Amino acid sequence: CSFIAPLLAVGGTPRVVGNEPGTYRFTVPADGGCVATSDPVTITTLPAPEVDIAPKGLQTICIGDTLVLTAMTDAPSYEWLRNGSIITGATGKTYVVRSDGDYQVRIASSQGCPGISSIVRVRIPDVRYSFAPSGLDFGTLGQCTSDTTLEIELINNGAVDITITSTQFP
């Protein structure tokens, strides 16, 4: 196809910018009504690299624990993001997560094309509980008393449901 675009003066030198892939010939009118046509110029687009990350999806860790995220795609450079913002200094193939958020890794292929991974959502549940009363005092049981009943209440002070899976009493 032929492409005629307005010439843009950049530092005194005319420049033509083509933003779409294809093969172009540039036609320039010359003095005396003659026309000069360039050799064909082919513009191609390179695909964005697919960026794989492990582990994937929703990950839950406990307060104080860590999670290692790994870019499974080899690249010359890596840039880790948390909640869409660049994590300063996080430029390795792996990143150790210590706080909740939405994590991604952005790379540049060897051709310079950018690619970004899917989101890994890391959650740290707010698990807090208490007992009321904080302890049970059965007092002194008499010789003929083989049992007594007291109640203790488990109070969920956190933001997530909790389940008692086992108990142990002295």
C-alpha atoms as a PDB file:
ATOM      1  CA  CYS A   1       0.000   0.000   0.000  1.00  0.00           C
ATOM      2  CA  SER A   2       1.093   3.587  -0.432  1.00  0.00           C
ATOM      3  CA  PHE A   3       1.305   5.892   2.505  1.00  0.00           C
ATOM      4  CA  ILE A   4       1.313   9.636   2.297  1.00  0.00           C
ATOM      5  CA  ALA A   5       1.602  11.354   5.635  1.00  0.00           C
ATOM      6  CA  PRO A   6       2.340  14.910   6.584  1.00  0.00           C
ATOM      7  CA  LEU A   7       6.020  15.457   7.135  1.00  0.00           C
ATOM      8  CA  LEU A   8       6.926  16.443  10.652  1.00  0.00           C
ATOM      9  CA  ALA A   9       9.954  18.649  11.126  1.00  0.00           C
ATOM     10  CA  VAL A  10      12.070  17.262  13.937  1.00  0.00           C
ATOM     11  CA  GLY A  11      15.219  19.265  14.514  1.00  0.00           C
ATOM     12  CA  GLY A  12      15.090  20.537  10.945  1.00  0.00           C
ATOM     13  CA  THR A  13      14.806  17.012   9.457  1.00  0.00           C
ATOM     14  CA  PRO A  14      11.477  15.852   8.019  1.00  0.00           C
ATOM     15  CA  ARG A  15      10.140  12.674   9.601  1.00  0.00           C
ATOM     16  CA  VAL A  16       7.183  10.428   8.795  1.00  0.00           C
ATOM     17  CA  VAL A  17       5.578   8.370  11.566  1.00  0.00           C
ATOM     18  CA  GLY A  18       3.687   5.166  10.749  1.00  0.00           C
ATOM     19  CA  ASN A  19       1.812   3.551  13.669  1.00  0.00           C
ATOM     20  CA  GLU A  20       0.102   0.600  11.984  1.00  0.00           C
ATOM     21  CA  PRO A  21       1.742  -2.622  10.775  1.00  0.00           C
ATOM     22  CA  GLY A  22       2.072  -3.044   7.020  1.00  0.00           C
ATOM     23  CA  THR A  23       4.336  -2.349   4.051  1.00  0.00           C
ATOM     24  CA  TYR A  24       4.667   1.269   3.023  1.00  0.00           C
ATOM     25  CA  ARG A  25       6.169   3.240   0.148  1.00  0.00           C
ATOM     26  CA  PHE A  26       6.642   6.901   0.669  1.00  0.00           C
ATOM     27  CA  THR A  27       5.913   9.222  -2.213  1.00  0.00           C
ATOM     28  CA  VAL A  28       7.531  12.647  -2.202  1.00  0.00           C
ATOM     29  CA  PRO A  29       6.827  15.264  -4.865  1.00  0.00           C
ATOM     30  CA  ALA A  30       9.996  16.828  -6.252  1.00  0.00           C
ATOM     31  CA  ASP A  31      10.669  20.055  -8.153  1.00  0.00           C
ATOM     32  CA  GLY A  32       9.267  20.194 -11.671  1.00  0.00           C
ATOM     33  CA  GLY A  33       6.326  17.883 -10.911  1.00  0.00           C
ATOM     34  CA  CYS A  34       8.411  14.733 -10.633  1.00  0.00           C
ATOM     35  CA  VAL A  35       7.598  12.200  -7.930  1.00  0.00           C
ATOM     36  CA  ALA A  36      10.092  10.090  -5.983  1.00  0.00           C
ATOM     37  CA  THR A  37       8.927   6.827  -4.446  1.00  0.00           C
ATOM     38  CA  SER A  38      10.883   5.074  -1.721  1.00  0.00           C
ATOM     39  CA  ASP A  39      11.759   1.436  -1.435  1.00  0.00           C
ATOM     40  CA  PRO A  40       9.156  -0.478   0.580  1.00  0.00           C
ATOM     41  CA  VAL A  41       9.354  -0.200   4.358  1.00  0.00           C
ATOM     42  CA  THR A  42       7.712  -2.958   6.389  1.00  0.00           C
ATOM     43  CA  ILE A  43       6.418  -2.269   9.893  1.00  0.00           C
ATOM     44  CA  THR A  44       5.627  -5.335  11.972  1.00  0.00           C
ATOM     45  CA  THR A  45       4.284  -5.683  15.474  1.00  0.00           C
ATOM     46  CA  LEU A  46       5.707  -8.133  17.921  1.00  0.00           C
ATOM     47  CA  PRO A  47       3.299  -9.904  20.256  1.00  0.00           C
ATOM     48  CA  ALA A  48       3.371  -9.024  23.919  1.00  0.00           C
ATOM     49  CA  PRO A  49       5.028 -11.858  25.821  1.00  0.00           C
ATOM     50  CA  GLU A  50       2.849 -14.092  27.950  1.00  0.00           C
ATOM     51  CA  VAL A  51       3.975 -13.788  31.540  1.00  0.00           C
ATOM     52  CA  ASP A  52       3.344 -16.725  33.834  1.00  0.00           C
ATOM     53  CA  ILE A  53       3.580 -16.454  37.612  1.00  0.00           C
ATOM     54  CA  ALA A  54       3.503 -19.074  40.356  1.00  0.00           C
ATOM     55  CA  PRO A  55       1.608 -19.688  42.476  1.00  0.00           C
ATOM     56  CA  LYS A  56      -1.562 -18.394  40.808  1.00  0.00           C
ATOM     57  CA  GLY A  57      -4.907 -17.087  41.963  1.00  0.00           C
ATOM     58  CA  LEU A  58      -5.918 -16.421  45.546  1.00  0.00           C
ATOM     59  CA  GLN A  59      -3.300 -17.200  48.198  1.00  0.00           C
ATOM     60  CA  THR A  60      -3.871 -17.023  51.941  1.00  0.00           C
ATOM     61  CA  ILE A  61      -1.039 -16.699  54.432  1.00  0.00           C
ATOM     62  CA  CYS A  62      -1.008 -16.139  58.179  1.00  0.00           C
ATOM     63  CA  ILE A  63       0.307 -13.026  59.899  1.00  0.00           C
ATOM     64  CA  GLY A  64       4.110 -13.282  60.030  1.00  0.00           C
ATOM     65  CA  ASP A  65       4.308 -15.857  57.215  1.00  0.00           C
ATOM     66  CA  THR A  66       5.699 -15.209  53.733  1.00  0.00           C
ATOM     67  CA  LEU A  67       4.879 -16.339  50.212  1.00  0.00           C
ATOM     68  CA  VAL A  68       7.435 -16.567  47.400  1.00  0.00           C
ATOM     69  CA  LEU A  69       6.113 -15.463  44.002  1.00  0.00           C
ATOM     70  CA  THR A  70       8.112 -16.578  40.965  1.00  0.00           C
ATOM     71  CA  ALA A  71       8.018 -15.277  37.400  1.00  0.00           C
ATOM     72  CA  MET A  72       7.978 -18.448  35.304  1.00  0.00           C
ATOM     73  CA  THR A  73       8.812 -16.515  32.120  1.00  0.00           C
ATOM     74  CA  ASP A  74      12.493 -15.806  31.484  1.00  0.00           C
ATOM     75  CA  ALA A  75      13.210 -12.161  30.682  1.00  0.00           C
ATOM     76  CA  PRO A  76      16.087  -9.690  30.820  1.00  0.00           C
ATOM     77  CA  SER A  77      14.269  -7.582  33.425  1.00  0.00           C
ATOM     78  CA  TYR A  78      11.508  -7.907  36.004  1.00  0.00           C
ATOM     79  CA  GLU A  79       9.416  -5.337  37.837  1.00  0.00           C
ATOM     80  CA  TRP A  80       7.043  -6.383  40.645  1.00  0.00           C
ATOM     81  CA  LEU A  81       3.849  -4.497  41.408  1.00  0.00           C
ATOM     82  CA  ARG A  82       1.555  -4.440  44.442  1.00  0.00           C
ATOM     83  CA  ASN A  83      -1.947  -3.056  43.960  1.00  0.00           C
ATOM     84  CA  GLY A  84      -0.845  -1.614  40.602  1.00  0.00           C
ATOM     85  CA  SER A  85       2.150   0.310  42.005  1.00  0.00           C
ATOM     86  CA  ILE A  86       5.807  -0.527  41.425  1.00  0.00           C
ATOM     87  CA  ILE A  87       7.573  -2.087  44.418  1.00  0.00           C
ATOM     88  CA  THR A  88      10.857  -0.201  44.746  1.00  0.00           C
ATOM     89  CA  GLY A  89      13.867  -2.494  44.402  1.00  0.00           C
ATOM     90  CA  ALA A  90      11.806  -5.568  43.454  1.00  0.00           C
ATOM     91  CA  THR A  91      13.545  -6.474  40.199  1.00  0.00           C
ATOM     92  CA  GLY A  92      14.366 -10.174  40.562  1.00  0.00           C
ATOM     93  CA  LYS A  93      12.689 -13.246  39.133  1.00  0.00           C
ATOM     94  CA  THR A  94      11.198 -13.949  42.579  1.00  0.00           C
ATOM     95  CA  TYR A  95       9.561 -11.731  45.173  1.00  0.00           C
ATOM     96  CA  VAL A  96       8.863 -12.538  48.824  1.00  0.00           C
ATOM     97  CA  VAL A  97       5.390 -11.356  49.860  1.00  0.00           C
ATOM     98  CA  ARG A  98       4.903 -10.321  53.486  1.00  0.00           C
ATOM     99  CA  SER A  99       1.681  -8.307  53.239  1.00  0.00           C
ATOM    100  CA  ASP A 100      -1.688  -8.677  51.568  1.00  0.00           C
ATOM    101  CA  GLY A 101      -2.455  -7.156  48.191  1.00  0.00           C
ATOM    102  CA  ASP A 102      -2.751  -7.845  44.474  1.00  0.00           C
ATOM    103  CA  TYR A 103       0.660  -8.763  43.014  1.00  0.00           C
ATOM    104  CA  GLN A 104       1.864  -8.881  39.408  1.00  0.00           C
ATOM    105  CA  VAL A 105       5.189  -9.022  37.618  1.00  0.00           C
ATOM    106  CA  ARG A 106       5.954  -6.952  34.526  1.00  0.00           C
ATOM    107  CA  ILE A 107       8.707  -7.950  32.117  1.00  0.00           C
ATOM    108  CA  ALA A 108      10.290  -6.749  28.913  1.00  0.00           C
ATOM    109  CA  SER A 109      11.083  -9.391  26.305  1.00  0.00           C
ATOM    110  CA  SER A 110      14.504  -9.521  24.659  1.00  0.00           C
ATOM    111  CA  GLN A 111      12.937  -7.455  21.826  1.00  0.00           C
ATOM    112  CA  GLY A 112      11.806  -4.854  24.382  1.00  0.00           C
ATOM    113  CA  CYS A 113       8.114  -5.733  24.266  1.00  0.00           C
ATOM    114  CA  PRO A 114       6.342  -5.331  27.618  1.00  0.00           C
ATOM    115  CA  GLY A 115       4.240  -8.070  29.218  1.00  0.00           C
ATOM    116  CA  ILE A 116       2.444  -8.384  32.538  1.00  0.00           C
ATOM    117  CA  SER A 117       1.239 -11.388  34.519  1.00  0.00           C
ATOM    118  CA  SER A 118      -2.203 -12.076  35.843  1.00  0.00           C
ATOM    119  CA  ILE A 119      -2.936 -10.965  39.401  1.00  0.00           C
ATOM    120  CA  VAL A 120      -2.049 -13.085  42.408  1.00  0.00           C
ATOM    121  CA  ARG A 121      -4.283 -11.952  45.268  1.00  0.00           C
ATOM    122  CA  VAL A 122      -2.650 -12.471  48.679  1.00  0.00           C
ATOM    123  CA  ARG A 123      -4.853 -12.248  51.740  1.00  0.00           C
ATOM    124  CA  ILE A 124      -3.906 -12.339  55.407  1.00  0.00           C
ATOM    125  CA  PRO A 125      -7.076 -13.075  57.351  1.00  0.00           C
ATOM    126  CA  ASP A 126      -7.761 -11.137  60.540  1.00  0.00           C
ATOM    127  CA  VAL A 127      -8.066 -14.074  62.966  1.00  0.00           C
ATOM    128  CA  ARG A 128      -8.487 -12.852  66.545  1.00  0.00           C
ATOM    129  CA  TYR A 129     -10.446 -14.403  69.381  1.00  0.00           C
ATOM    130  CA  SER A 130     -10.807 -14.252  73.129  1.00  0.00           C
ATOM    131  CA  PHE A 131     -12.502 -16.189  75.920  1.00  0.00           C
ATOM    132  CA  ALA A 132     -14.954 -14.805  78.453  1.00  0.00           C
ATOM    133  CA  PRO A 133     -14.201 -15.355  81.235  1.00  0.00           C
ATOM    134  CA  SER A 134     -10.518 -15.715  80.439  1.00  0.00           C
ATOM    135  CA  GLY A 135     -10.276 -18.841  82.591  1.00  0.00           C
ATOM    136  CA  LEU A 136     -12.383 -21.300  84.556  1.00  0.00           C
ATOM    137  CA  ASP A 137     -12.002 -21.920  88.278  1.00  0.00           C
ATOM    138  CA  PHE A 138     -13.688 -25.117  89.395  1.00  0.00           C
ATOM    139  CA  GLY A 139     -12.636 -24.510  92.975  1.00  0.00           C
ATOM    140  CA  THR A 140     -12.154 -27.487  95.268  1.00  0.00           C
ATOM    141  CA  LEU A 141     -14.376 -30.414  94.460  1.00  0.00           C
ATOM    142  CA  GLY A 142     -15.675 -32.343  97.470  1.00  0.00           C
ATOM    143  CA  GLN A 143     -15.305 -36.078  97.946  1.00  0.00           C
ATOM    144  CA  CYS A 144     -18.780 -36.840  96.678  1.00  0.00           C
ATOM    145  CA  THR A 145     -18.639 -34.383  93.754  1.00  0.00           C
ATOM    146  CA  SER A 146     -17.424 -36.010  90.561  1.00  0.00           C
ATOM    147  CA  ASP A 147     -18.282 -33.217  88.170  1.00  0.00           C
ATOM    148  CA  THR A 148     -19.334 -29.632  87.923  1.00  0.00           C
ATOM    149  CA  THR A 149     -20.340 -27.495  84.967  1.00  0.00           C
ATOM    150  CA  LEU A 150     -18.971 -24.095  84.027  1.00  0.00           C
ATOM    151  CA  GLU A 151     -19.321 -22.183  80.746  1.00  0.00           C
ATOM    152  CA  ILE A 152     -16.789 -20.262  78.744  1.00  0.00           C
ATOM    153  CA  GLU A 153     -17.620 -18.225  75.653  1.00  0.00           C
ATOM    154  CA  LEU A 154     -15.365 -18.032  72.598  1.00  0.00           C
ATOM    155  CA  ILE A 155     -15.587 -14.516  71.130  1.00  0.00           C
ATOM    156  CA  ASN A 156     -14.563 -13.862  67.530  1.00  0.00           C
ATOM    157  CA  ASN A 157     -12.758 -10.485  67.611  1.00  0.00           C
ATOM    158  CA  GLY A 158     -11.502 -10.742  64.018  1.00  0.00           C
ATOM    159  CA  ALA A 159     -12.986 -10.126  60.614  1.00  0.00           C
ATOM    160  CA  VAL A 160     -13.246 -13.735  59.381  1.00  0.00           C
ATOM    161  CA  ASP A 161     -15.227 -16.761  60.466  1.00  0.00           C
ATOM    162  CA  ILE A 162     -13.341 -19.191  62.674  1.00  0.00           C
ATOM    163  CA  THR A 163     -13.952 -22.886  63.215  1.00  0.00           C
ATOM    164  CA  ILE A 164     -12.863 -24.963  66.198  1.00  0.00           C
ATOM    165  CA  THR A 165     -11.438 -28.199  64.829  1.00  0.00           C
ATOM    166  CA  SER A 166     -10.080 -29.664  68.067  1.00  0.00           C
ATOM    167  CA  THR A 167      -9.841 -28.879  71.749  1.00  0.00           C
ATOM    168  CA  GLN A 168      -7.607 -29.987  74.556  1.00  0.00           C
ATOM    169  CA  PHE A 169      -8.199 -29.399  78.232  1.00  0.00           C
ATOM    170  CA  PRO A 170      -5.891 -30.179  81.143  1.00  0.00           C
END
